Amino acid sequence: MITKKIGEISGKVMSMKGMMSGAISTMSPEEMSKAFEENPDFFSEILKYLDPHTVAEVLNRDQDFLRAVMEAIEPETMAAVINTSSEWVPKVLEHVDERVIARITDESVEWMKKVMGAFDPATIASISNANREFITRVLGHLDPKVFAEVVNDNPAFIEAMVARLDGRMLGEAFRRQQDFLARYFEGMGEEGLIAIFSAIFDQAFAQGVTFLGELEVGGKREKAVFTIQGLEKRKASRRNSKK
């Protein structure tokens, strides 16, 4: 109860203009990461009351400092905090420059491998579904080979997470980021590819996925839209047609 109340007060104070940047400027990455490691429950409470826009501004401006803090924190500790902040994180991502997230991911490969393995698939899917546009844009800035390396290290997580993604987001990603996905799949290992496509087809049967592709017709390659319609939707459609 005390931790919750102090976290609430601290979060509101840190959200005041200039307070968070000022606090960061007086601390080293080692000092901040140590505080985070020693008080994860306290920081989980603070996040609930921090203004998402203020946090996003700090992320956009102080990414080098925050990447250093992040890499000094045990991935499991960071994942535990994110796993309990599924409603707050999407609000922050609404204001974050997607290039910042892409850069941090590309430059922290080993750490990202470990933290991804500690994430709760349902929480990350929920965050992704709430920020479909942001996630789609991030893909355009990520290094496909780096992303494939991270995914190859966590096939079980990826399969469980993708199976929970909104089919519309998958379709949008396929449509808008074809170049990234083509290079990404080139770097995927067999186990990672199986996990990804297994989850995509499971999701397609559940709710349907639409994406853009090409067909060869009469010796010419033509653009085509492919739709894998949800199995349950087809059943419902057949039942309604019989009435």
Protein backbone atom coordinates (compact mmCIF):
# COMPACT_ATOMS: atom_id res chain seq x y z
CA MET A 1 0.00 0.00 0.00
CA ILE A 2 2.83 2.39 0.94
CA THR A 3 4.78 1.50 -2.22
CA LYS A 4 1.68 2.13 -4.33
CA LYS A 5 1.02 5.55 -2.77
CA ILE A 6 4.65 6.68 -3.03
CA GLY A 7 4.76 5.43 -6.62
CA GLU A 8 1.63 7.44 -7.43
CA ILE A 9 3.04 10.64 -5.92
CA SER A 10 6.45 10.13 -7.57
CA GLY A 11 4.88 9.47 -10.96
CA LYS A 12 2.80 12.63 -10.80
CA VAL A 13 5.76 14.74 -9.67
CA MET A 14 8.04 13.31 -12.39
CA SER A 15 5.39 14.17 -14.98
CA MET A 16 5.75 17.88 -14.20
CA LYS A 17 7.43 19.86 -16.98
CA GLY A 18 11.21 19.52 -16.86
CA MET A 19 11.28 17.23 -13.82
CA MET A 20 12.09 13.97 -15.61
CA SER A 21 14.75 15.48 -17.86
CA GLY A 22 16.24 17.24 -14.85
CA ALA A 23 16.39 14.03 -12.83
CA ILE A 24 17.98 12.12 -15.71
CA SER A 25 20.63 14.80 -16.20
CA THR A 26 21.86 14.32 -12.61
CA MET A 27 22.15 10.52 -12.76
CA SER A 28 24.46 8.10 -14.51
CA PRO A 29 23.00 5.10 -16.39
CA GLU A 30 24.54 2.83 -13.74
CA GLU A 31 22.83 4.69 -10.89
CA MET A 32 19.44 4.61 -12.58
CA SER A 33 19.65 0.96 -13.58
CA LYS A 34 20.69 0.03 -10.02
CA ALA A 35 17.68 1.88 -8.62
CA PHE A 36 15.44 0.09 -11.12
CA GLU A 37 16.91 -3.33 -10.32
CA GLU A 38 16.51 -2.85 -6.57
CA ASN A 39 12.95 -1.49 -6.73
CA PRO A 40 11.06 -3.03 -9.69
CA ASP A 41 7.68 -2.98 -7.90
CA PHE A 42 8.13 0.70 -7.07
CA PHE A 43 8.95 1.53 -10.70
CA SER A 44 5.93 -0.48 -11.86
CA GLU A 45 3.76 1.79 -9.72
CA ILE A 46 5.48 4.96 -10.95
CA LEU A 47 4.80 4.01 -14.58
CA LYS A 48 1.06 3.90 -13.93
CA TYR A 49 1.06 7.60 -13.04
CA LEU A 50 3.73 9.00 -15.36
CA ASP A 51 2.37 11.13 -18.19
CA PRO A 52 2.89 9.04 -21.40
CA HIS A 53 3.61 12.13 -23.50
CA THR A 54 6.32 13.29 -21.08
CA VAL A 55 7.95 9.85 -21.13
CA ALA A 56 7.85 9.77 -24.94
CA GLU A 57 9.55 13.17 -25.13
CA VAL A 58 12.37 11.89 -22.91
CA LEU A 59 12.70 8.72 -25.00
CA ASN A 60 12.92 10.74 -28.19
CA ARG A 61 15.48 13.15 -26.78
CA ASP A 62 17.67 11.01 -24.48
CA GLN A 63 17.79 7.69 -26.32
CA ASP A 64 21.52 7.10 -25.83
CA PHE A 65 21.24 7.53 -22.07
CA LEU A 66 18.14 5.36 -21.85
CA ARG A 67 19.67 2.63 -24.02
CA ALA A 68 22.63 2.54 -21.63
CA VAL A 69 20.20 2.25 -18.68
CA MET A 70 18.21 -0.45 -20.42
CA GLU A 71 21.26 -2.58 -21.19
CA ALA A 72 22.39 -2.34 -17.56
CA ILE A 73 19.05 -3.71 -16.31
CA GLU A 74 18.50 -7.45 -16.23
CA PRO A 75 16.19 -8.32 -19.18
CA GLU A 76 13.94 -10.39 -16.90
CA THR A 77 13.43 -7.39 -14.59
CA MET A 78 12.56 -5.08 -17.47
CA ALA A 79 10.20 -7.67 -18.98
CA ALA A 80 8.42 -8.10 -15.63
CA VAL A 81 7.71 -4.36 -15.46
CA ILE A 82 6.51 -4.19 -19.09
CA ASN A 83 4.33 -7.27 -18.58
CA THR A 84 2.38 -5.37 -15.90
CA SER A 85 2.06 -2.17 -17.97
CA SER A 86 0.04 -3.29 -21.01
CA GLU A 87 -2.36 -0.32 -20.78
CA TRP A 88 0.30 2.34 -20.21
CA VAL A 89 2.88 1.33 -22.85
CA PRO A 90 0.56 1.86 -25.90
CA LYS A 91 -0.13 5.41 -24.70
CA VAL A 92 3.62 6.12 -24.68
CA LEU A 93 4.15 4.60 -28.13
CA GLU A 94 1.55 6.98 -29.58
CA HIS A 95 4.11 9.78 -29.09
CA VAL A 96 7.43 7.97 -29.62
CA ASP A 97 9.46 8.38 -32.80
CA GLU A 98 9.51 4.88 -34.32
CA ARG A 99 13.13 5.44 -35.42
CA VAL A 100 14.15 5.58 -31.75
CA ILE A 101 12.70 2.14 -31.03
CA ALA A 102 14.25 0.73 -34.20
CA ARG A 103 17.67 2.13 -33.35
CA ILE A 104 17.60 0.80 -29.78
CA THR A 105 16.56 -2.63 -31.08
CA ASP A 106 19.26 -2.71 -33.75
CA GLU A 107 21.99 -1.64 -31.32
CA SER A 108 21.02 -3.93 -28.41
CA VAL A 109 20.69 -7.32 -30.11
CA GLU A 110 21.87 -9.61 -27.30
CA TRP A 111 19.80 -7.77 -24.70
CA MET A 112 16.73 -7.84 -26.96
CA LYS A 113 17.08 -11.60 -27.41
CA LYS A 114 16.93 -12.11 -23.65
CA VAL A 115 14.14 -9.65 -22.91
CA MET A 116 11.95 -11.05 -25.70
CA GLY A 117 12.22 -14.50 -24.14
CA ALA A 118 10.98 -13.08 -20.83
CA PHE A 119 8.02 -11.14 -22.26
CA ASP A 120 4.48 -12.39 -21.83
CA PRO A 121 3.22 -13.10 -25.40
CA ALA A 122 -0.33 -11.98 -24.58
CA THR A 123 0.89 -8.64 -23.18
CA ILE A 124 3.11 -7.87 -26.18
CA ALA A 125 0.33 -8.87 -28.60
CA SER A 126 -2.06 -6.56 -26.75
CA ILE A 127 0.42 -3.67 -26.94
CA SER A 128 1.02 -4.36 -30.67
CA ASN A 129 -2.70 -4.55 -31.45
CA ALA A 130 -3.24 -1.21 -29.71
CA ASN A 131 -0.48 0.41 -31.82
CA ARG A 132 -0.91 -1.18 -35.26
CA GLU A 133 0.18 1.94 -37.18
CA PHE A 134 3.26 2.47 -34.99
CA ILE A 135 4.38 -1.17 -35.22
CA THR A 136 3.98 -1.16 -39.00
CA ARG A 137 6.13 1.99 -39.27
CA VAL A 138 8.80 0.59 -36.93
CA LEU A 139 9.29 -2.39 -39.24
CA GLY A 140 10.35 0.01 -41.99
CA HIS A 141 13.27 1.25 -39.87
CA LEU A 142 14.50 -2.02 -38.37
CA ASP A 143 17.48 -3.93 -39.74
CA PRO A 144 15.79 -7.13 -41.06
CA LYS A 145 18.84 -9.28 -40.27
CA VAL A 146 18.98 -8.05 -36.67
CA PHE A 147 15.26 -8.59 -36.21
CA ALA A 148 15.53 -12.09 -37.68
CA GLU A 149 18.36 -12.88 -35.27
CA VAL A 150 16.24 -11.82 -32.29
CA VAL A 151 13.24 -13.82 -33.52
CA ASN A 152 15.34 -16.91 -34.30
CA ASP A 153 16.37 -16.95 -30.66
CA ASN A 154 12.74 -16.94 -29.43
CA PRO A 155 10.54 -19.07 -31.73
CA ALA A 156 8.16 -20.20 -28.96
CA PHE A 157 7.48 -16.62 -27.88
CA ILE A 158 6.97 -15.47 -31.48
CA GLU A 159 4.51 -18.25 -32.26
CA ALA A 160 2.48 -17.56 -29.12
CA MET A 161 2.53 -13.78 -29.66
CA VAL A 162 1.72 -13.75 -33.39
CA ALA A 163 -1.21 -16.10 -32.77
CA ARG A 164 -2.74 -13.33 -30.63
CA LEU A 165 -2.18 -10.47 -33.08
CA ASP A 166 -5.06 -8.75 -34.83
CA GLY A 167 -5.31 -10.13 -38.37
CA ARG A 168 -5.71 -6.59 -39.70
CA MET A 169 -2.29 -5.67 -38.33
CA LEU A 170 -0.67 -8.68 -39.95
CA GLY A 171 -2.29 -7.82 -43.26
CA GLU A 172 -1.21 -4.19 -43.02
CA ALA A 173 2.37 -5.19 -42.22
CA PHE A 174 2.49 -7.56 -45.21
CA ARG A 175 1.03 -4.89 -47.49
CA ARG A 176 3.19 -1.93 -46.45
CA GLN A 177 6.50 -3.53 -45.51
CA GLN A 178 7.07 -6.11 -48.23
CA ASP A 179 10.74 -5.23 -48.76
CA PHE A 180 11.50 -5.49 -45.05
CA LEU A 181 9.65 -8.78 -44.70
CA ALA A 182 11.35 -10.28 -47.77
CA ARG A 183 14.80 -9.50 -46.34
CA TYR A 184 13.66 -10.54 -42.87
CA PHE A 185 12.52 -13.99 -44.04
CA GLU A 186 15.89 -14.47 -45.80
CA GLY A 187 17.59 -14.24 -42.41
CA MET A 188 15.14 -16.49 -40.59
CA GLY A 189 16.13 -19.95 -39.40
CA GLU A 190 13.92 -22.94 -40.12
CA GLU A 191 12.47 -23.09 -36.61
CA GLY A 192 11.67 -19.38 -36.61
CA LEU A 193 9.97 -19.56 -40.01
CA ILE A 194 7.84 -22.50 -38.93
CA ALA A 195 6.81 -20.65 -35.77
CA ILE A 196 5.87 -17.49 -37.68
CA PHE A 197 3.84 -19.13 -40.43
CA SER A 198 2.20 -21.60 -38.08
CA ALA A 199 0.95 -18.70 -35.98
CA ILE A 200 -0.12 -16.67 -39.03
CA PHE A 201 -2.23 -19.50 -40.44
CA ASP A 202 -3.73 -20.24 -37.02
CA GLN A 203 -4.67 -16.57 -36.85
CA ALA A 204 -6.01 -16.60 -40.39
CA PHE A 205 -8.36 -19.47 -39.60
CA ALA A 206 -9.52 -17.60 -36.51
CA GLN A 207 -10.26 -14.18 -38.02
CA GLY A 208 -8.79 -13.81 -41.52
CA VAL A 209 -5.69 -12.11 -42.91
CA THR A 210 -5.44 -10.03 -46.10
CA PHE A 211 -2.13 -9.14 -47.79
CA LEU A 212 -0.78 -7.96 -51.13
CA GLY A 213 1.20 -10.28 -53.39
CA GLU A 214 1.91 -11.12 -57.02
CA LEU A 215 0.60 -13.74 -59.44
CA GLU A 216 2.02 -14.79 -62.80
CA VAL A 217 -0.78 -14.75 -65.38
CA GLY A 218 -0.06 -15.42 -69.05
CA GLY A 219 3.63 -14.80 -68.54
CA LYS A 220 3.01 -11.46 -66.80
CA ARG A 221 3.33 -10.73 -63.09
CA GLU A 222 0.25 -9.01 -61.75
CA LYS A 223 -0.45 -7.48 -58.33
CA ALA A 224 -3.09 -9.41 -56.40
CA VAL A 225 -4.78 -9.21 -53.03
CA PHE A 226 -4.88 -12.49 -51.14
CA THR A 227 -7.40 -13.05 -48.38
CA ILE A 228 -7.25 -16.02 -46.02
CA GLN A 229 -10.75 -15.83 -44.62
CA GLY A 230 -11.48 -16.90 -41.08
CA LEU A 231 -12.79 -20.45 -40.78
CA GLU A 232 -15.42 -19.47 -38.23
CA LYS A 233 -16.62 -16.65 -40.48
CA ARG A 234 -17.08 -19.08 -43.40
CA LYS A 235 -19.07 -21.44 -41.19
CA ALA A 236 -21.27 -18.59 -40.01
CA SER A 237 -21.76 -17.45 -43.61
CA ARG A 238 -22.84 -20.94 -44.68
CA ARG A 239 -25.24 -21.22 -41.75
CA ASN A 240 -26.83 -17.87 -42.61
CA SER A 241 -27.22 -18.85 -46.30
CA LYS A 242 -29.21 -21.93 -45.33
CA LYS A 243 -31.78 -19.93 -43.40
